[in-house]
All heavy atoms as atom14 arrays in JSON, in Angstrom:
{
  "sequence": "ASMLEAFGKIAAAEYRAMGFTTALHPMSDMATEPRWARNFG",
  "atom14_mask": [
    [1, 1, 1, 1, 1, 0, 0, 0, 0, 0, 0, 0, 0, 0],
    [1, 1, 1, 1, 1, 1, 0, 0, 0, 0, 0, 0, 0, 0],
    [1, 1, 1, 1, 1, 1, 1, 1, 0, 0, 0, 0, 0, 0],
    [1, 1, 1, 1, 1, 1, 1, 1, 0, 0, 0, 0, 0, 0],
    [1, 1, 1, 1, 1, 1, 1, 1, 1, 0, 0, 0, 0, 0],
    [1, 1, 1, 1, 1, 0, 0, 0, 0, 0, 0, 0, 0, 0],
    [1, 1, 1, 1, 1, 1, 1, 1, 1, 1, 1, 0, 0, 0],
    [1, 1, 1, 1, 0, 0, 0, 0, 0, 0, 0, 0, 0, 0],
    [1, 1, 1, 1, 1, 1, 1, 1, 1, 0, 0, 0, 0, 0],
    [1, 1, 1, 1, 1, 1, 1, 1, 0, 0, 0, 0, 0, 0],
    [1, 1, 1, 1, 1, 0, 0, 0, 0, 0, 0, 0, 0, 0],
    [1, 1, 1, 1, 1, 0, 0, 0, 0, 0, 0, 0, 0, 0],
    [1, 1, 1, 1, 1, 0, 0, 0, 0, 0, 0, 0, 0, 0],
    [1, 1, 1, 1, 1, 1, 1, 1, 1, 0, 0, 0, 0, 0],
    [1, 1, 1, 1, 1, 1, 1, 1, 1, 1, 1, 1, 0, 0],
    [1, 1, 1, 1, 1, 1, 1, 1, 1, 1, 1, 0, 0, 0],
    [1, 1, 1, 1, 1, 0, 0, 0, 0, 0, 0, 0, 0, 0],
    [1, 1, 1, 1, 1, 1, 1, 1, 0, 0, 0, 0, 0, 0],
    [1, 1, 1, 1, 0, 0, 0, 0, 0, 0, 0, 0, 0, 0],
    [1, 1, 1, 1, 1, 1, 1, 1, 1, 1, 1, 0, 0, 0],
    [1, 1, 1, 1, 1, 1, 1, 0, 0, 0, 0, 0, 0, 0],
    [1, 1, 1, 1, 1, 1, 1, 0, 0, 0, 0, 0, 0, 0],
    [1, 1, 1, 1, 1, 0, 0, 0, 0, 0, 0, 0, 0, 0],
    [1, 1, 1, 1, 1, 1, 1, 1, 0, 0, 0, 0, 0, 0],
    [1, 1, 1, 1, 1, 1, 1, 1, 1, 1, 0, 0, 0, 0],
    [1, 1, 1, 1, 1, 1, 1, 0, 0, 0, 0, 0, 0, 0],
    [1, 1, 1, 1, 1, 1, 1, 1, 0, 0, 0, 0, 0, 0],
    [1, 1, 1, 1, 1, 1, 0, 0, 0, 0, 0, 0, 0, 0],
    [1, 1, 1, 1, 1, 1, 1, 1, 0, 0, 0, 0, 0, 0],
    [1, 1, 1, 1, 1, 1, 1, 1, 0, 0, 0, 0, 0, 0],
    [1, 1, 1, 1, 1, 0, 0, 0, 0, 0, 0, 0, 0, 0],
    [1, 1, 1, 1, 1, 1, 1, 0, 0, 0, 0, 0, 0, 0],
    [1, 1, 1, 1, 1, 1, 1, 1, 1, 0, 0, 0, 0, 0],
    [1, 1, 1, 1, 1, 1, 1, 0, 0, 0, 0, 0, 0, 0],
    [1, 1, 1, 1, 1, 1, 1, 1, 1, 1, 1, 0, 0, 0],
    [1, 1, 1, 1, 1, 1, 1, 1, 1, 1, 1, 1, 1, 1],
    [1, 1, 1, 1, 1, 0, 0, 0, 0, 0, 0, 0, 0, 0],
    [1, 1, 1, 1, 1, 1, 1, 1, 1, 1, 1, 0, 0, 0],
    [1, 1, 1, 1, 1, 1, 1, 1, 0, 0, 0, 0, 0, 0],
    [1, 1, 1, 1, 1, 1, 1, 1, 1, 1, 1, 0, 0, 0],
    [1, 1, 1, 1, 0, 0, 0, 0, 0, 0, 0, 0, 0, 0]
  ],
  "atom14_positions": [
    [[225.44, 227.48, 40.55], [224.02, 227.83, 40.43], [223.71, 228.45, 39.07], [222.62, 228.26, 38.53], [223.63, 228.78, 41.55], [0.0, 0.0, 0.0], [0.0, 0.0, 0.0], [0.0, 0.0, 0.0], [0.0, 0.0, 0.0], [0.0, 0.0, 0.0], [0.0, 0.0, 0.0], [0.0, 0.0, 0.0], [0.0, 0.0, 0.0], [0.0, 0.0, 0.0]],
    [[224.66, 229.19, 38.5], [224.42, 229.81, 37.19], [224.3, 228.74, 36.1], [223.51, 228.89, 35.17], [225.53, 230.8, 36.85], [226.78, 230.15, 36.76], [0.0, 0.0, 0.0], [0.0, 0.0, 0.0], [0.0, 0.0, 0.0], [0.0, 0.0, 0.0], [0.0, 0.0, 0.0], [0.0, 0.0, 0.0], [0.0, 0.0, 0.0], [0.0, 0.0, 0.0]],
    [[225.08, 227.66, 36.22], [224.96, 226.56, 35.27], [223.59, 225.89, 35.4], [222.96, 225.54, 34.4], [226.06, 225.52, 35.51], [225.96, 224.27, 34.65], [226.22, 224.55, 32.89], [228.04, 224.59, 32.87], [0.0, 0.0, 0.0], [0.0, 0.0, 0.0], [0.0, 0.0, 0.0], [0.0, 0.0, 0.0], [0.0, 0.0, 0.0], [0.0, 0.0, 0.0]],
    [[223.13, 225.73, 36.63], [221.82, 225.12, 36.85], [220.71, 225.98, 36.27], [219.77, 225.48, 35.66], [221.61, 224.88, 38.35], [220.3, 224.2, 38.75], [220.14, 222.85, 38.05], [220.24, 224.02, 40.25], [0.0, 0.0, 0.0], [0.0, 0.0, 0.0], [0.0, 0.0, 0.0], [0.0, 0.0, 0.0], [0.0, 0.0, 0.0], [0.0, 0.0, 0.0]],
    [[220.82, 227.3, 36.45], [219.81, 228.19, 35.88], [219.83, 228.12, 34.36], [218.77, 228.13, 33.71], [220.05, 229.63, 36.35], [218.97, 230.59, 35.9], [219.1, 231.97, 36.52], [219.84, 232.13, 37.52], [218.47, 232.92, 35.98], [0.0, 0.0, 0.0], [0.0, 0.0, 0.0], [0.0, 0.0, 0.0], [0.0, 0.0, 0.0], [0.0, 0.0, 0.0]],
    [[221.03, 228.03, 33.77], [221.13, 227.89, 32.32], [220.47, 226.6, 31.85], [219.78, 226.57, 30.82], [222.6, 227.92, 31.89], [0.0, 0.0, 0.0], [0.0, 0.0, 0.0], [0.0, 0.0, 0.0], [0.0, 0.0, 0.0], [0.0, 0.0, 0.0], [0.0, 0.0, 0.0], [0.0, 0.0, 0.0], [0.0, 0.0, 0.0], [0.0, 0.0, 0.0]],
    [[220.7, 225.51, 32.61], [220.01, 224.26, 32.29], [218.5, 224.46, 32.3], [217.79, 223.98, 31.41], [220.39, 223.16, 33.28], [219.39, 222.04, 33.36], [219.25, 221.14, 32.32], [218.56, 221.91, 34.47], [218.31, 220.12, 32.38], [217.62, 220.89, 34.55], [217.49, 219.99, 33.5], [0.0, 0.0, 0.0], [0.0, 0.0, 0.0], [0.0, 0.0, 0.0]],
    [[217.99, 225.13, 33.34], [216.56, 225.35, 33.44], [215.99, 226.07, 32.25], [214.91, 225.73, 31.74], [0.0, 0.0, 0.0], [0.0, 0.0, 0.0], [0.0, 0.0, 0.0], [0.0, 0.0, 0.0], [0.0, 0.0, 0.0], [0.0, 0.0, 0.0], [0.0, 0.0, 0.0], [0.0, 0.0, 0.0], [0.0, 0.0, 0.0], [0.0, 0.0, 0.0]],
    [[216.7, 227.07, 31.76], [216.23, 227.82, 30.59], [216.2, 226.94, 29.35], [215.25, 226.98, 28.56], [217.14, 229.03, 30.36], [217.02, 230.11, 31.42], [218.0, 231.25, 31.16], [217.87, 232.32, 32.24], [218.85, 233.42, 32.06], [0.0, 0.0, 0.0], [0.0, 0.0, 0.0], [0.0, 0.0, 0.0], [0.0, 0.0, 0.0], [0.0, 0.0, 0.0]],
    [[217.24, 226.12, 29.19], [217.29, 225.24, 28.03], [216.23, 224.15, 28.13], [215.51, 223.87, 27.16], [218.7, 224.62, 27.91], [219.7, 225.69, 27.48], [218.71, 223.44, 26.94], [221.15, 225.26, 27.56], [0.0, 0.0, 0.0], [0.0, 0.0, 0.0], [0.0, 0.0, 0.0], [0.0, 0.0, 0.0], [0.0, 0.0, 0.0], [0.0, 0.0, 0.0]],
    [[216.13, 223.53, 29.3], [215.13, 222.48, 29.48], [213.72, 223.03, 29.28], [212.86, 222.37, 28.7], [215.27, 221.85, 30.86], [0.0, 0.0, 0.0], [0.0, 0.0, 0.0], [0.0, 0.0, 0.0], [0.0, 0.0, 0.0], [0.0, 0.0, 0.0], [0.0, 0.0, 0.0], [0.0, 0.0, 0.0], [0.0, 0.0, 0.0], [0.0, 0.0, 0.0]],
    [[213.48, 224.26, 29.76], [212.16, 224.88, 29.58], [211.86, 225.1, 28.1], [210.73, 224.86, 27.65], [212.1, 226.2, 30.35], [0.0, 0.0, 0.0], [0.0, 0.0, 0.0], [0.0, 0.0, 0.0], [0.0, 0.0, 0.0], [0.0, 0.0, 0.0], [0.0, 0.0, 0.0], [0.0, 0.0, 0.0], [0.0, 0.0, 0.0], [0.0, 0.0, 0.0]],
    [[212.86, 225.55, 27.35], [212.66, 225.75, 25.91], [212.33, 224.43, 25.22], [211.45, 224.36, 24.35], [213.9, 226.38, 25.29], [0.0, 0.0, 0.0], [0.0, 0.0, 0.0], [0.0, 0.0, 0.0], [0.0, 0.0, 0.0], [0.0, 0.0, 0.0], [0.0, 0.0, 0.0], [0.0, 0.0, 0.0], [0.0, 0.0, 0.0], [0.0, 0.0, 0.0]],
    [[213.02, 223.36, 25.62], [212.75, 222.06, 25.02], [211.4, 221.53, 25.46], [210.66, 220.93, 24.66], [213.88, 221.08, 25.39], [215.22, 221.47, 24.76], [216.34, 220.5, 25.04], [216.41, 219.96, 26.17], [217.16, 220.26, 24.13], [0.0, 0.0, 0.0], [0.0, 0.0, 0.0], [0.0, 0.0, 0.0], [0.0, 0.0, 0.0], [0.0, 0.0, 0.0]],
    [[211.03, 221.73, 26.73], [209.71, 221.32, 27.21], [208.61, 222.04, 26.44], [207.64, 221.41, 25.97], [209.58, 221.64, 28.7], [210.0, 220.54, 29.65], [210.99, 219.63, 29.34], [209.39, 220.42, 30.9], [211.37, 218.63, 30.22], [209.76, 219.42, 31.8], [210.75, 218.53, 31.45], [211.11, 217.54, 32.32], [0.0, 0.0, 0.0], [0.0, 0.0, 0.0]],
    [[208.71, 223.35, 26.32], [207.65, 224.12, 25.66], [207.55, 223.73, 24.19], [206.45, 223.71, 23.62], [207.9, 225.62, 25.78], [207.75, 226.24, 27.17], [206.36, 226.3, 27.76], [205.3, 226.89, 27.04], [204.38, 227.73, 27.56], [204.47, 228.13, 28.83], [203.39, 228.16, 26.86], [0.0, 0.0, 0.0], [0.0, 0.0, 0.0], [0.0, 0.0, 0.0]],
    [[208.67, 223.42, 23.56], [208.63, 223.01, 22.15], [207.81, 221.74, 21.96], [207.15, 221.56, 20.93], [210.05, 222.8, 21.63], [0.0, 0.0, 0.0], [0.0, 0.0, 0.0], [0.0, 0.0, 0.0], [0.0, 0.0, 0.0], [0.0, 0.0, 0.0], [0.0, 0.0, 0.0], [0.0, 0.0, 0.0], [0.0, 0.0, 0.0], [0.0, 0.0, 0.0]],
    [[207.83, 220.85, 22.96], [207.07, 219.6, 22.88], [205.64, 219.74, 23.38], [204.81, 218.87, 23.13], [207.79, 218.51, 23.68], [209.13, 218.1, 23.11], [209.94, 216.76, 24.05], [210.58, 217.66, 25.47], [0.0, 0.0, 0.0], [0.0, 0.0, 0.0], [0.0, 0.0, 0.0], [0.0, 0.0, 0.0], [0.0, 0.0, 0.0], [0.0, 0.0, 0.0]],
    [[205.36, 220.8, 24.15], [204.01, 221.01, 24.68], [203.89, 220.84, 26.17], [202.78, 220.88, 26.72], [0.0, 0.0, 0.0], [0.0, 0.0, 0.0], [0.0, 0.0, 0.0], [0.0, 0.0, 0.0], [0.0, 0.0, 0.0], [0.0, 0.0, 0.0], [0.0, 0.0, 0.0], [0.0, 0.0, 0.0], [0.0, 0.0, 0.0], [0.0, 0.0, 0.0]],
    [[205.01, 220.65, 26.89], [204.99, 220.55, 28.35], [205.04, 221.94, 28.95], [205.86, 222.78, 28.55], [206.19, 219.75, 28.87], [206.32, 218.36, 28.32], [207.57, 217.8, 28.12], [205.21, 217.59, 28.02], [207.72, 216.52, 27.62], [205.34, 216.31, 27.52], [206.6, 215.77, 27.32], [0.0, 0.0, 0.0], [0.0, 0.0, 0.0], [0.0, 0.0, 0.0]],
    [[204.21, 222.18, 29.96], [204.21, 223.48, 30.62], [204.42, 223.4, 32.13], [204.49, 224.42, 32.8], [202.9, 224.24, 30.35], [201.79, 223.42, 30.71], [202.8, 224.61, 28.88], [0.0, 0.0, 0.0], [0.0, 0.0, 0.0], [0.0, 0.0, 0.0], [0.0, 0.0, 0.0], [0.0, 0.0, 0.0], [0.0, 0.0, 0.0], [0.0, 0.0, 0.0]],
    [[204.52, 222.18, 32.66], [204.78, 222.0, 34.09], [205.88, 220.95, 34.27], [205.83, 219.9, 33.65], [203.52, 221.54, 34.85], [202.5, 222.53, 34.71], [203.82, 221.36, 36.34], [0.0, 0.0, 0.0], [0.0, 0.0, 0.0], [0.0, 0.0, 0.0], [0.0, 0.0, 0.0], [0.0, 0.0, 0.0], [0.0, 0.0, 0.0], [0.0, 0.0, 0.0]],
    [[206.85, 221.28, 35.12], [207.93, 220.34, 35.47], [207.6, 219.75, 36.84], [207.41, 220.5, 37.8], [209.27, 221.06, 35.52], [0.0, 0.0, 0.0], [0.0, 0.0, 0.0], [0.0, 0.0, 0.0], [0.0, 0.0, 0.0], [0.0, 0.0, 0.0], [0.0, 0.0, 0.0], [0.0, 0.0, 0.0], [0.0, 0.0, 0.0], [0.0, 0.0, 0.0]],
    [[207.53, 218.43, 36.91], [207.28, 217.77, 38.2], [208.61, 217.64, 38.96], [209.01, 216.57, 39.39], [206.64, 216.41, 37.99], [205.3, 216.42, 37.24], [204.77, 215.0, 37.07], [204.28, 217.28, 37.96], [0.0, 0.0, 0.0], [0.0, 0.0, 0.0], [0.0, 0.0, 0.0], [0.0, 0.0, 0.0], [0.0, 0.0, 0.0], [0.0, 0.0, 0.0]],
    [[209.29, 218.71, 39.12], [210.6, 218.81, 39.72], [210.89, 220.3, 39.9], [210.19, 221.12, 39.3], [211.67, 218.11, 38.87], [211.55, 218.27, 37.38], [212.34, 219.14, 36.65], [210.73, 217.68, 36.47], [212.02, 219.08, 35.37], [211.03, 218.21, 35.23], [0.0, 0.0, 0.0], [0.0, 0.0, 0.0], [0.0, 0.0, 0.0], [0.0, 0.0, 0.0]],
    [[211.86, 220.68, 40.74], [212.92, 219.87, 41.32], [212.49, 219.17, 42.62], [211.48, 219.5, 43.22], [214.0, 220.9, 41.64], [213.2, 222.11, 42.05], [212.02, 222.11, 41.1], [0.0, 0.0, 0.0], [0.0, 0.0, 0.0], [0.0, 0.0, 0.0], [0.0, 0.0, 0.0], [0.0, 0.0, 0.0], [0.0, 0.0, 0.0], [0.0, 0.0, 0.0]],
    [[213.34, 218.21, 43.02], [213.23, 217.61, 44.35], [214.08, 218.44, 45.31], [215.29, 218.54, 45.13], [213.73, 216.16, 44.34], [212.68, 215.14, 43.99], [213.33, 213.45, 44.06], [213.71, 213.3, 45.81], [0.0, 0.0, 0.0], [0.0, 0.0, 0.0], [0.0, 0.0, 0.0], [0.0, 0.0, 0.0], [0.0, 0.0, 0.0], [0.0, 0.0, 0.0]],
    [[213.44, 219.0, 46.3], [214.16, 219.82, 47.28], [214.24, 219.13, 48.63], [214.46, 219.78, 49.66], [213.49, 221.2, 47.39], [213.63, 221.9, 46.18], [0.0, 0.0, 0.0], [0.0, 0.0, 0.0], [0.0, 0.0, 0.0], [0.0, 0.0, 0.0], [0.0, 0.0, 0.0], [0.0, 0.0, 0.0], [0.0, 0.0, 0.0], [0.0, 0.0, 0.0]],
    [[214.07, 217.82, 48.63], [214.25, 217.02, 49.84], [215.73, 217.01, 50.21], [216.61, 217.15, 49.35], [213.79, 215.58, 49.61], [212.41, 215.51, 48.98], [212.32, 215.55, 47.74], [211.43, 215.42, 49.73], [0.0, 0.0, 0.0], [0.0, 0.0, 0.0], [0.0, 0.0, 0.0], [0.0, 0.0, 0.0], [0.0, 0.0, 0.0], [0.0, 0.0, 0.0]],
    [[216.01, 216.8, 51.48], [217.38, 216.77, 51.95], [217.88, 215.33, 52.05], [217.2, 214.47, 52.62], [217.49, 217.44, 53.33], [216.98, 218.87, 53.38], [217.75, 219.93, 52.16], [219.46, 219.62, 52.51], [0.0, 0.0, 0.0], [0.0, 0.0, 0.0], [0.0, 0.0, 0.0], [0.0, 0.0, 0.0], [0.0, 0.0, 0.0], [0.0, 0.0, 0.0]],
    [[219.09, 215.08, 51.53], [219.68, 213.74, 51.55], [220.39, 213.5, 52.88], [221.61, 213.34, 52.93], [220.65, 213.58, 50.39], [0.0, 0.0, 0.0], [0.0, 0.0, 0.0], [0.0, 0.0, 0.0], [0.0, 0.0, 0.0], [0.0, 0.0, 0.0], [0.0, 0.0, 0.0], [0.0, 0.0, 0.0], [0.0, 0.0, 0.0], [0.0, 0.0, 0.0]],
    [[219.61, 213.48, 53.95], [220.2, 213.28, 55.28], [220.27, 211.81, 55.67], [220.97, 211.47, 56.62], [219.38, 214.03, 56.34], [218.02, 213.57, 56.29], [219.43, 215.53, 56.11], [0.0, 0.0, 0.0], [0.0, 0.0, 0.0], [0.0, 0.0, 0.0], [0.0, 0.0, 0.0], [0.0, 0.0, 0.0], [0.0, 0.0, 0.0], [0.0, 0.0, 0.0]],
    [[219.55, 210.96, 54.97], [219.53, 209.52, 55.25], [220.17, 208.79, 54.07], [219.56, 208.67, 53.01], [218.1, 209.04, 55.49], [217.9, 207.54, 55.51], [218.89, 206.79, 56.39], [218.85, 207.01, 57.63], [219.7, 206.02, 55.86], [0.0, 0.0, 0.0], [0.0, 0.0, 0.0], [0.0, 0.0, 0.0], [0.0, 0.0, 0.0], [0.0, 0.0, 0.0]],
    [[221.42, 208.32, 54.21], [222.14, 207.77, 53.06], [221.5, 206.53, 52.44], [221.71, 206.25, 51.26], [223.53, 207.45, 53.63], [223.36, 207.4, 55.1], [222.25, 208.35, 55.42], [0.0, 0.0, 0.0], [0.0, 0.0, 0.0], [0.0, 0.0, 0.0], [0.0, 0.0, 0.0], [0.0, 0.0, 0.0], [0.0, 0.0, 0.0], [0.0, 0.0, 0.0]],
    [[220.7, 205.79, 53.19], [220.09, 204.58, 52.65], [218.88, 204.86, 51.76], [218.44, 203.98, 51.01], [219.68, 203.65, 53.8], [220.85, 203.08, 54.58], [220.42, 202.42, 55.87], [219.93, 203.39, 56.85], [219.58, 203.1, 58.09], [219.67, 201.84, 58.52], [219.16, 204.04, 58.92], [0.0, 0.0, 0.0], [0.0, 0.0, 0.0], [0.0, 0.0, 0.0]],
    [[218.34, 206.05, 51.83], [217.13, 206.39, 51.09], [217.4, 206.35, 49.58], [218.32, 206.99, 49.08], [216.65, 207.78, 51.51], [215.38, 208.23, 50.89], [214.25, 207.51, 50.69], [215.1, 209.56, 50.41], [213.27, 208.29, 50.11], [213.77, 209.55, 49.92], [215.84, 210.74, 50.34], [213.17, 210.68, 49.38], [215.24, 211.87, 49.81], [213.92, 211.83, 49.33]],
    [[216.57, 205.61, 48.84], [216.8, 205.42, 47.4], [216.68, 206.72, 46.62], [217.34, 206.89, 45.59], [215.8, 204.39, 46.86], [0.0, 0.0, 0.0], [0.0, 0.0, 0.0], [0.0, 0.0, 0.0], [0.0, 0.0, 0.0], [0.0, 0.0, 0.0], [0.0, 0.0, 0.0], [0.0, 0.0, 0.0], [0.0, 0.0, 0.0], [0.0, 0.0, 0.0]],
    [[215.87, 207.65, 47.11], [215.63, 208.86, 46.33], [216.56, 210.02, 46.67], [216.32, 211.15, 46.27], [214.17, 209.28, 46.46], [213.24, 208.28, 45.8], [211.93, 208.89, 45.37], [212.06, 209.73, 44.2], [211.06, 210.46, 43.71], [209.88, 210.45, 44.29], [211.23, 211.21, 42.65], [0.0, 0.0, 0.0], [0.0, 0.0, 0.0], [0.0, 0.0, 0.0]],
    [[217.66, 209.71, 47.35], [218.75, 210.68, 47.36], [219.09, 211.09, 45.94], [219.56, 212.2, 45.69], [220.0, 210.08, 48.03], [219.89, 210.06, 49.54], [219.27, 210.92, 50.14], [220.49, 209.05, 50.16], [0.0, 0.0, 0.0], [0.0, 0.0, 0.0], [0.0, 0.0, 0.0], [0.0, 0.0, 0.0], [0.0, 0.0, 0.0], [0.0, 0.0, 0.0]],
    [[218.86, 210.16, 45.02], [219.12, 210.35, 43.58], [218.66, 211.72, 43.07], [219.38, 212.38, 42.33], [218.42, 209.25, 42.78], [218.35, 209.53, 41.31], [219.44, 209.3, 40.51], [217.19, 210.05, 40.74], [219.39, 209.59, 39.14], [217.14, 210.33, 39.39], [218.24, 210.09, 38.6], [0.0, 0.0, 0.0], [0.0, 0.0, 0.0], [0.0, 0.0, 0.0]],
    [[217.47, 212.13, 43.44], [216.89, 213.32, 42.82], [217.07, 214.6, 43.59], [216.51, 215.62, 43.21], [0.0, 0.0, 0.0], [0.0, 0.0, 0.0], [0.0, 0.0, 0.0], [0.0, 0.0, 0.0], [0.0, 0.0, 0.0], [0.0, 0.0, 0.0], [0.0, 0.0, 0.0], [0.0, 0.0, 0.0], [0.0, 0.0, 0.0], [0.0, 0.0, 0.0]]
  ]
}
């Protein structure tokens, strides 16, 4: 989880540098159905 939080800080810095202020993520859906294509996210 600490690595993920570090990613978030870095990604946020890169987003803000470009002018993005909202992330359309994360996906907090549960991958309970293996056939579902969006298990990906």
